[in-house]
Amino acid sequence: MKHFSAATVAFGIMLAAAPATPATPAAPATPATPAAPATPTTPAAPAAPAAPAAPATATTTCPPDPTPGSTVSGNLIVQPDAICDLFGVTVTGNVQVQTNAFLSVNADSTGTGTTIDGNLHVGAGATLASATTPRTMTVDGNIEADQCNNVDIEGDKVAGNVDIQNCFTGLGFSQILVGHTEIAGNFNCSNNSVDCILSLSSVKGNVQINNNQSEAVVYLNTIDGNLLCQGNALGVQGAKTNNIAGLKRGQCVNF
């Protein structure tokens, strides 16, 4: 019994001497995932500036005459009852010859002709006179004359049509003369009480000579389109002298 007791006591002492097993420490808490930063708001695009208004086309009046060889930006107006001379001038817009005005078109001292980028309009009682020096005038648009006094186009070039109607005898000499001129469009000379003469010219389009009360002449021209003549009081002169690619009708059927 003493032996057992001693052993028991010894075992107890050993237990008492043995260090206690330390407790397993708790796992550290998982740190919270930080919130993603807020996406910055895309700033609104600035409003596009308003387009500037197109500048108004400038208008120049004549007289005074433009400087020879100069450029007129925009339109040119020959004032009523006035005389305007162009010498080798370039007009970037249209030209309007107003009531009873007179426009003289010439080359400058170097031989450079006048150029009109737009249309040329000849008004009531007005006159257009283009000299016969080498190519004095180039018109990139049309030439229109209504109720004019006189139209004299010689040695010129027209990219559009030539339309001359209702012209009458006014002050001084009156006629419609188109000679040595290249016309890329049509030619119409109708309802006039003055002579209507088309000579030594080339017309890419059609030619109409109608209802004129004075002489009508179509002489030595090259016409790529048709030729129509009707209602002319004195008939039409110039048969068999033209080169006509298209049809010939009315008073010009035998041309």
C-alpha atoms as a PDB file:
ATOM      1  CA  MET A   1       0.000   0.000   0.000  1.00  0.00           C
ATOM      2  CA  LYS A   2       2.818   2.398   0.832  1.00  0.00           C
ATOM      3  CA  HIS A   3       4.498   1.441  -2.418  1.00  0.00           C
ATOM      4  CA  PHE A   4       1.324   2.164  -4.401  1.00  0.00           C
ATOM      5  CA  SER A   5       0.813   5.394  -2.579  1.00  0.00           C
ATOM      6  CA  ALA A   6       4.330   6.541  -3.287  1.00  0.00           C
ATOM      7  CA  ALA A   7       3.927   5.779  -6.955  1.00  0.00           C
ATOM      8  CA  THR A   8       0.669   7.561  -7.085  1.00  0.00           C
ATOM      9  CA  VAL A   9       2.194  10.533  -5.312  1.00  0.00           C
ATOM     10  CA  ALA A  10       5.108  10.490  -7.756  1.00  0.00           C
ATOM     11  CA  PHE A  11       2.773  10.376 -10.757  1.00  0.00           C
ATOM     12  CA  GLY A  12       0.788  13.256  -9.357  1.00  0.00           C
ATOM     13  CA  ILE A  13       3.942  15.247  -8.874  1.00  0.00           C
ATOM     14  CA  MET A  14       4.908  14.598 -12.473  1.00  0.00           C
ATOM     15  CA  LEU A  15       1.522  15.792 -13.666  1.00  0.00           C
ATOM     16  CA  ALA A  16       1.826  18.878 -11.588  1.00  0.00           C
ATOM     17  CA  ALA A  17       5.281  19.567 -12.964  1.00  0.00           C
ATOM     18  CA  ALA A  18       4.295  19.118 -16.648  1.00  0.00           C
ATOM     19  CA  PRO A  19       3.452  22.466 -18.350  1.00  0.00           C
ATOM     20  CA  ALA A  20      -0.139  22.956 -19.455  1.00  0.00           C
ATOM     21  CA  THR A  21      -0.814  22.717 -23.206  1.00  0.00           C
ATOM     22  CA  PRO A  22      -1.374  26.246 -24.400  1.00  0.00           C
ATOM     23  CA  ALA A  23      -4.781  26.971 -25.919  1.00  0.00           C
ATOM     24  CA  THR A  24      -4.818  27.321 -29.721  1.00  0.00           C
ATOM     25  CA  PRO A  25      -5.071  31.052 -30.427  1.00  0.00           C
ATOM     26  CA  ALA A  26      -8.151  32.156 -32.370  1.00  0.00           C
ATOM     27  CA  ALA A  27      -7.527  32.883 -36.032  1.00  0.00           C
ATOM     28  CA  PRO A  28      -7.304  36.602 -36.638  1.00  0.00           C
ATOM     29  CA  ALA A  29     -10.431  38.087 -38.147  1.00  0.00           C
ATOM     30  CA  THR A  30     -10.303  38.532 -41.967  1.00  0.00           C
ATOM     31  CA  PRO A  31     -10.051  42.231 -42.584  1.00  0.00           C
ATOM     32  CA  ALA A  32     -13.048  43.659 -44.443  1.00  0.00           C
ATOM     33  CA  THR A  33     -12.480  44.247 -48.138  1.00  0.00           C
ATOM     34  CA  PRO A  34     -12.249  47.986 -48.596  1.00  0.00           C
ATOM     35  CA  ALA A  35     -15.063  49.441 -50.770  1.00  0.00           C
ATOM     36  CA  ALA A  36     -14.073  50.146 -54.325  1.00  0.00           C
ATOM     37  CA  PRO A  37     -13.671  53.853 -54.931  1.00  0.00           C
ATOM     38  CA  ALA A  38     -16.656  55.402 -56.640  1.00  0.00           C
ATOM     39  CA  THR A  39     -16.304  55.708 -60.399  1.00  0.00           C
ATOM     40  CA  PRO A  40     -15.871  59.398 -61.187  1.00  0.00           C
ATOM     41  CA  THR A  41     -18.712  60.883 -63.197  1.00  0.00           C
ATOM     42  CA  THR A  42     -17.786  61.588 -66.812  1.00  0.00           C
ATOM     43  CA  PRO A  43     -18.017  65.326 -67.292  1.00  0.00           C
ATOM     44  CA  ALA A  44     -20.594  66.438 -69.852  1.00  0.00           C
ATOM     45  CA  ALA A  45     -19.125  67.309 -73.241  1.00  0.00           C
ATOM     46  CA  PRO A  46     -19.044  71.041 -73.796  1.00  0.00           C
ATOM     47  CA  ALA A  47     -21.729  72.315 -76.159  1.00  0.00           C
ATOM     48  CA  ALA A  48     -20.495  72.762 -79.703  1.00  0.00           C
ATOM     49  CA  PRO A  49     -20.149  76.416 -80.579  1.00  0.00           C
ATOM     50  CA  ALA A  50     -22.776  77.709 -82.998  1.00  0.00           C
ATOM     51  CA  ALA A  51     -21.594  77.823 -86.593  1.00  0.00           C
ATOM     52  CA  PRO A  52     -20.908  81.360 -87.680  1.00  0.00           C
ATOM     53  CA  ALA A  53     -23.425  82.784 -90.125  1.00  0.00           C
ATOM     54  CA  ALA A  54     -22.259  82.791 -93.730  1.00  0.00           C
ATOM     55  CA  PRO A  55     -21.066  86.224 -94.672  1.00  0.00           C
ATOM     56  CA  ALA A  56     -23.391  88.143 -96.962  1.00  0.00           C
ATOM     57  CA  THR A  57     -22.201  88.398-100.547  1.00  0.00           C
ATOM     58  CA  ALA A  58     -20.629  91.785-101.083  1.00  0.00           C
ATOM     59  CA  THR A  59     -22.035  94.088-103.753  1.00  0.00           C
ATOM     60  CA  THR A  60     -20.000  96.699-105.608  1.00  0.00           C
ATOM     61  CA  THR A  61     -21.603  99.460-107.642  1.00  0.00           C
ATOM     62  CA  CYS A  62     -20.204 100.960-110.827  1.00  0.00           C
ATOM     63  CA  PRO A  63     -19.396 103.763-111.406  1.00  0.00           C
ATOM     64  CA  PRO A  64     -16.765 104.294-110.221  1.00  0.00           C
ATOM     65  CA  ASP A  65     -15.019 101.895-112.590  1.00  0.00           C
ATOM     66  CA  PRO A  66     -12.989  99.120-110.958  1.00  0.00           C
ATOM     67  CA  THR A  67      -9.235  99.433-111.326  1.00  0.00           C
ATOM     68  CA  PRO A  68      -8.050  97.722-114.550  1.00  0.00           C
ATOM     69  CA  GLY A  69      -6.837  94.181-113.845  1.00  0.00           C
ATOM     70  CA  SER A  70      -8.418  94.127-110.366  1.00  0.00           C
ATOM     71  CA  THR A  71     -10.785  91.615-108.725  1.00  0.00           C
ATOM     72  CA  VAL A  72     -14.275  92.536-107.565  1.00  0.00           C
ATOM     73  CA  SER A  73     -15.313  90.157-104.764  1.00  0.00           C
ATOM     74  CA  GLY A  74     -19.021  89.401-104.954  1.00  0.00           C
ATOM     75  CA  ASN A  75     -21.571  90.982-107.277  1.00  0.00           C
ATOM     76  CA  LEU A  76     -21.219  94.048-109.466  1.00  0.00           C
ATOM     77  CA  ILE A  77     -24.157  96.356-110.231  1.00  0.00           C
ATOM     78  CA  VAL A  78     -24.074  98.961-112.985  1.00  0.00           C
ATOM     79  CA  GLN A  79     -26.370 101.657-111.666  1.00  0.00           C
ATOM     80  CA  PRO A  80     -29.351 102.938-113.680  1.00  0.00           C
ATOM     81  CA  ASP A  81     -28.502 105.419-116.452  1.00  0.00           C
ATOM     82  CA  ALA A  82     -24.772 105.039-115.682  1.00  0.00           C
ATOM     83  CA  ILE A  83     -21.773 103.986-117.798  1.00  0.00           C
ATOM     84  CA  CYS A  84     -19.344 101.349-116.494  1.00  0.00           C
ATOM     85  CA  ASP A  85     -16.069 100.244-118.121  1.00  0.00           C
ATOM     86  CA  LEU A  86     -14.322  96.986-117.226  1.00  0.00           C
ATOM     87  CA  PHE A  87     -10.723  96.462-118.346  1.00  0.00           C
ATOM     88  CA  GLY A  88      -9.401  92.975-117.553  1.00  0.00           C
ATOM     89  CA  VAL A  89     -11.467  92.835-114.348  1.00  0.00           C
ATOM     90  CA  THR A  90     -12.460  89.603-112.566  1.00  0.00           C
ATOM     91  CA  VAL A  91     -15.894  89.583-110.889  1.00  0.00           C
ATOM     92  CA  THR A  92     -16.385  86.626-108.518  1.00  0.00           C
ATOM     93  CA  GLY A  93     -20.173  86.960-108.465  1.00  0.00           C
ATOM     94  CA  ASN A  94     -22.896  88.136-110.856  1.00  0.00           C
ATOM     95  CA  VAL A  95     -23.073  91.311-112.926  1.00  0.00           C
ATOM     96  CA  GLN A  96     -26.331  93.214-113.309  1.00  0.00           C
ATOM     97  CA  VAL A  97     -26.691  96.038-115.828  1.00  0.00           C
ATOM     98  CA  GLN A  98     -29.667  97.998-114.563  1.00  0.00           C
ATOM     99  CA  THR A  99     -32.233 100.129-116.401  1.00  0.00           C
ATOM    100  CA  ASN A 100     -30.789 102.262-119.233  1.00  0.00           C
ATOM    101  CA  ALA A 101     -27.215 101.573-118.061  1.00  0.00           C
ATOM    102  CA  PHE A 102     -24.241 100.900-120.369  1.00  0.00           C
ATOM    103  CA  LEU A 103     -21.583  98.244-119.686  1.00  0.00           C
ATOM    104  CA  SER A 104     -18.442  98.224-121.811  1.00  0.00           C
ATOM    105  CA  VAL A 105     -16.208  95.141-121.422  1.00  0.00           C
ATOM    106  CA  ASN A 106     -12.589  95.272-122.585  1.00  0.00           C
ATOM    107  CA  ALA A 107      -9.197  93.664-122.140  1.00  0.00           C
ATOM    108  CA  ASP A 108      -6.600  95.487-120.055  1.00  0.00           C
ATOM    109  CA  SER A 109      -3.295  96.868-121.340  1.00  0.00           C
ATOM    110  CA  THR A 110      -1.698  93.401-121.133  1.00  0.00           C
ATOM    111  CA  GLY A 111      -4.411  91.825-123.271  1.00  0.00           C
ATOM    112  CA  THR A 112      -6.064  90.052-120.332  1.00  0.00           C
ATOM    113  CA  GLY A 113      -9.827  89.917-120.759  1.00  0.00           C
ATOM    114  CA  THR A 114     -12.594  90.372-118.215  1.00  0.00           C
ATOM    115  CA  THR A 115     -13.956  87.301-116.379  1.00  0.00           C
ATOM    116  CA  ILE A 116     -17.366  87.008-114.732  1.00  0.00           C
ATOM    117  CA  ASP A 117     -17.656  83.954-112.487  1.00  0.00           C
ATOM    118  CA  GLY A 118     -21.451  84.161-112.244  1.00  0.00           C
ATOM    119  CA  ASN A 119     -24.253  85.321-114.541  1.00  0.00           C
ATOM    120  CA  LEU A 120     -24.547  88.522-116.566  1.00  0.00           C
ATOM    121  CA  HIS A 121     -27.982  90.160-116.720  1.00  0.00           C
ATOM    122  CA  VAL A 122     -28.827  93.091-118.999  1.00  0.00           C
ATOM    123  CA  GLY A 123     -31.939  94.971-117.922  1.00  0.00           C
ATOM    124  CA  ALA A 124     -34.564  97.142-119.600  1.00  0.00           C
ATOM    125  CA  GLY A 125     -33.147  99.719-121.990  1.00  0.00           C
ATOM    126  CA  ALA A 126     -29.600  98.695-121.074  1.00  0.00           C
ATOM    127  CA  THR A 127     -26.611  98.008-123.323  1.00  0.00           C
ATOM    128  CA  LEU A 128     -23.834  95.401-123.200  1.00  0.00           C
ATOM    129  CA  ALA A 129     -20.864  96.039-125.475  1.00  0.00           C
ATOM    130  CA  SER A 130     -17.883  93.687-125.635  1.00  0.00           C
ATOM    131  CA  ALA A 131     -14.987  94.819-127.832  1.00  0.00           C
ATOM    132  CA  THR A 132     -13.549  92.688-130.624  1.00  0.00           C
ATOM    133  CA  THR A 133     -10.010  92.382-129.267  1.00  0.00           C
ATOM    134  CA  PRO A 134      -8.855  88.786-128.544  1.00  0.00           C
ATOM    135  CA  ARG A 135     -11.231  87.263-125.996  1.00  0.00           C
ATOM    136  CA  THR A 136     -12.357  90.285-124.059  1.00  0.00           C
ATOM    137  CA  MET A 137     -14.904  88.499-121.885  1.00  0.00           C
ATOM    138  CA  THR A 138     -15.418  85.073-120.307  1.00  0.00           C
ATOM    139  CA  VAL A 139     -18.714  84.384-118.528  1.00  0.00           C
ATOM    140  CA  ASP A 140     -18.815  81.219-116.419  1.00  0.00           C
ATOM    141  CA  GLY A 141     -22.612  81.403-116.057  1.00  0.00           C
ATOM    142  CA  ASN A 142     -25.387  82.607-118.375  1.00  0.00           C
ATOM    143  CA  ILE A 143     -25.971  85.834-120.265  1.00  0.00           C
ATOM    144  CA  GLU A 144     -29.567  87.042-120.048  1.00  0.00           C
ATOM    145  CA  ALA A 145     -30.987  90.180-121.651  1.00  0.00           C
ATOM    146  CA  ASP A 146     -34.644  91.158-121.304  1.00  0.00           C
ATOM    147  CA  GLN A 147     -36.064  94.346-122.882  1.00  0.00           C
ATOM    148  CA  CYS A 148     -32.531  95.523-123.621  1.00  0.00           C
ATOM    149  CA  ASN A 149     -31.494  98.292-125.995  1.00  0.00           C
ATOM    150  CA  ASN A 150     -28.347  96.724-127.434  1.00  0.00           C
ATOM    151  CA  VAL A 151     -26.252  93.554-126.968  1.00  0.00           C
ATOM    152  CA  ASP A 152     -22.917  93.249-128.758  1.00  0.00           C
ATOM    153  CA  ILE A 153     -20.950  90.119-127.805  1.00  0.00           C
ATOM    154  CA  GLU A 154     -17.878  89.515-129.970  1.00  0.00           C
ATOM    155  CA  GLY A 155     -14.883  87.269-129.405  1.00  0.00           C
ATOM    156  CA  ASP A 156     -16.152  85.961-126.071  1.00  0.00           C
ATOM    157  CA  LYS A 157     -16.738  82.671-124.264  1.00  0.00           C
ATOM    158  CA  VAL A 158     -19.904  81.724-122.359  1.00  0.00           C
ATOM    159  CA  ALA A 159     -20.047  78.560-120.243  1.00  0.00           C
ATOM    160  CA  GLY A 160     -23.837  78.607-119.974  1.00  0.00           C
ATOM    161  CA  ASN A 161     -26.726  79.843-122.135  1.00  0.00           C
ATOM    162  CA  VAL A 162     -27.291  83.102-123.988  1.00  0.00           C
ATOM    163  CA  ASP A 163     -30.933  84.219-123.812  1.00  0.00           C
ATOM    164  CA  ILE A 164     -31.935  87.544-125.421  1.00  0.00           C
ATOM    165  CA  GLN A 165     -35.617  88.455-125.549  1.00  0.00           C
ATOM    166  CA  ASN A 166     -38.010  91.395-125.882  1.00  0.00           C
ATOM    167  CA  CYS A 167     -35.305  93.904-126.808  1.00  0.00           C
ATOM    168  CA  PHE A 168     -36.312  97.062-128.641  1.00  0.00           C
ATOM    169  CA  THR A 169     -34.956 100.133-130.350  1.00  0.00           C
ATOM    170  CA  GLY A 170     -33.958 102.716-127.793  1.00  0.00           C
ATOM    171  CA  LEU A 171     -31.562 105.608-127.810  1.00  0.00           C
ATOM    172  CA  GLY A 172     -28.900 105.434-130.495  1.00  0.00           C
ATOM    173  CA  PHE A 173     -28.036 102.319-132.511  1.00  0.00           C
ATOM    174  CA  SER A 174     -29.790  99.128-131.410  1.00  0.00           C
ATOM    175  CA  GLN A 175     -29.117  95.535-132.404  1.00  0.00           C
ATOM    176  CA  ILE A 176     -28.284  92.084-131.095  1.00  0.00           C
ATOM    177  CA  LEU A 177     -24.968  90.847-132.463  1.00  0.00           C
ATOM    178  CA  VAL A 178     -23.225  87.681-131.270  1.00  0.00           C
ATOM    179  CA  GLY A 179     -20.081  86.977-133.286  1.00  0.00           C
ATOM    180  CA  HIS A 180     -16.870  84.941-132.973  1.00  0.00           C
ATOM    181  CA  THR A 181     -18.190  83.620-129.648  1.00  0.00           C
ATOM    182  CA  GLU A 182     -18.139  80.162-128.026  1.00  0.00           C
ATOM    183  CA  ILE A 183     -21.393  79.213-126.273  1.00  0.00           C
ATOM    184  CA  ALA A 184     -21.362  75.966-124.283  1.00  0.00           C
ATOM    185  CA  GLY A 185     -25.136  75.980-123.746  1.00  0.00           C
ATOM    186  CA  ASN A 186     -28.105  77.112-125.834  1.00  0.00           C
ATOM    187  CA  PHE A 187     -28.691  80.339-127.773  1.00  0.00           C
ATOM    188  CA  ASN A 188     -32.119  81.965-127.881  1.00  0.00           C
ATOM    189  CA  CYS A 189     -32.939  85.227-129.648  1.00  0.00           C
ATOM    190  CA  SER A 190     -36.696  85.757-129.660  1.00  0.00           C
ATOM    191  CA  ASN A 191     -39.453  88.386-129.566  1.00  0.00           C
ATOM    192  CA  ASN A 192     -37.136  91.265-130.404  1.00  0.00           C
ATOM    193  CA  SER A 193     -37.868  94.364-132.498  1.00  0.00           C
ATOM    194  CA  VAL A 194     -34.177  94.921-133.349  1.00  0.00           C
ATOM    195  CA  ASP A 195     -31.864  92.928-135.645  1.00  0.00           C
ATOM    196  CA  CYS A 196     -30.789  89.530-134.296  1.00  0.00           C
ATOM    197  CA  ILE A 197     -27.493  88.288-135.757  1.00  0.00           C
ATOM    198  CA  LEU A 198     -25.590  85.114-134.833  1.00  0.00           C
ATOM    199  CA  SER A 199     -22.430  84.738-136.896  1.00  0.00           C
ATOM    200  CA  LEU A 200     -19.061  82.973-136.938  1.00  0.00           C
ATOM    201  CA  SER A 201     -19.789  81.359-133.566  1.00  0.00           C
ATOM    202  CA  SER A 202     -19.995  77.872-132.086  1.00  0.00           C
ATOM    203  CA  VAL A 203     -23.002  76.706-130.047  1.00  0.00           C
ATOM    204  CA  LYS A 204     -22.850  73.368-128.239  1.00  0.00           C
ATOM    205  CA  GLY A 205     -26.584  73.298-127.555  1.00  0.00           C
ATOM    206  CA  ASN A 206     -29.668  74.333-129.522  1.00  0.00           C
ATOM    207  CA  VAL A 207     -30.380  77.600-131.346  1.00  0.00           C
ATOM    208  CA  GLN A 208     -33.807  79.267-131.443  1.00  0.00           C
ATOM    209  CA  ILE A 209     -34.587  82.346-133.556  1.00  0.00           C
ATOM    210  CA  ASN A 210     -38.280  83.108-133.062  1.00  0.00           C
ATOM    211  CA  ASN A 211     -40.820  85.909-133.514  1.00  0.00           C
ATOM    212  CA  ASN A 212     -38.374  88.710-134.292  1.00  0.00           C
ATOM    213  CA  GLN A 213     -39.724  91.784-136.079  1.00  0.00           C
ATOM    214  CA  SER A 214     -36.479  92.971-137.687  1.00  0.00           C
ATOM    215  CA  GLU A 215     -33.717  91.130-139.585  1.00  0.00           C
ATOM    216  CA  ALA A 216     -32.672  87.708-138.349  1.00  0.00           C
ATOM    217  CA  VAL A 217     -29.365  86.252-139.524  1.00  0.00           C
ATOM    218  CA  VAL A 218     -27.693  82.882-138.779  1.00  0.00           C
ATOM    219  CA  TYR A 219     -24.433  82.889-140.710  1.00  0.00           C
ATOM    220  CA  LEU A 220     -21.307  80.705-140.753  1.00  0.00           C
ATOM    221  CA  ASN A 221     -21.871  79.044-137.367  1.00  0.00           C
ATOM    222  CA  THR A 222     -21.178  75.581-135.988  1.00  0.00           C
ATOM    223  CA  ILE A 223     -24.234  74.295-134.100  1.00  0.00           C
ATOM    224  CA  ASP A 224     -24.019  70.945-132.327  1.00  0.00           C
ATOM    225  CA  GLY A 225     -27.727  70.868-131.445  1.00  0.00           C
ATOM    226  CA  ASN A 226     -30.912  71.735-133.331  1.00  0.00           C
ATOM    227  CA  LEU A 227     -31.857  74.938-135.161  1.00  0.00           C
ATOM    228  CA  LEU A 228     -35.457  76.171-134.847  1.00  0.00           C
ATOM    229  CA  CYS A 229     -36.680  79.343-136.567  1.00  0.00           C
ATOM    230  CA  GLN A 230     -40.298  80.450-136.669  1.00  0.00           C
ATOM    231  CA  GLY A 231     -42.477  83.519-136.735  1.00  0.00           C
ATOM    232  CA  ASN A 232     -39.733  85.916-137.884  1.00  0.00           C
ATOM    233  CA  ALA A 233     -41.339  88.804-139.802  1.00  0.00           C
ATOM    234  CA  LEU A 234     -38.547  89.072-142.399  1.00  0.00           C
ATOM    235  CA  GLY A 235     -37.556  85.411-142.479  1.00  0.00           C
ATOM    236  CA  VAL A 236     -34.024  84.241-141.593  1.00  0.00           C
ATOM    237  CA  GLN A 237     -30.895  84.824-143.681  1.00  0.00           C
ATOM    238  CA  GLY A 238     -27.838  82.591-143.889  1.00  0.00           C
ATOM    239  CA  ALA A 239     -29.046  79.358-145.469  1.00  0.00           C
ATOM    240  CA  LYS A 240     -26.378  76.816-146.496  1.00  0.00           C
ATOM    241  CA  THR A 241     -23.588  78.632-144.655  1.00  0.00           C
ATOM    242  CA  ASN A 242     -23.768  76.833-141.281  1.00  0.00           C
ATOM    243  CA  ASN A 243     -22.583  73.461-139.986  1.00  0.00           C
ATOM    244  CA  ILE A 244     -25.571  72.038-138.085  1.00  0.00           C
ATOM    245  CA  ALA A 245     -25.358  68.616-136.444  1.00  0.00           C
ATOM    246  CA  GLY A 246     -28.969  68.438-135.268  1.00  0.00           C
ATOM    247  CA  LEU A 247     -32.380  69.011-136.802  1.00  0.00           C
ATOM    248  CA  LYS A 248     -33.431  72.086-138.789  1.00  0.00           C
ATOM    249  CA  ARG A 249     -37.012  73.222-138.381  1.00  0.00           C
ATOM    250  CA  GLY A 250     -39.429  75.966-139.382  1.00  0.00           C
ATOM    251  CA  GLN A 251     -38.036  78.859-141.390  1.00  0.00           C
ATOM    252  CA  CYS A 252     -34.559  77.264-141.138  1.00  0.00           C
ATOM    253  CA  VAL A 253     -35.530  73.865-142.510  1.00  0.00           C
ATOM    254  CA  ASN A 254     -33.343  74.408-145.591  1.00  0.00           C
ATOM    255  CA  PHE A 255     -30.271  75.561-143.674  1.00  0.00           C
END
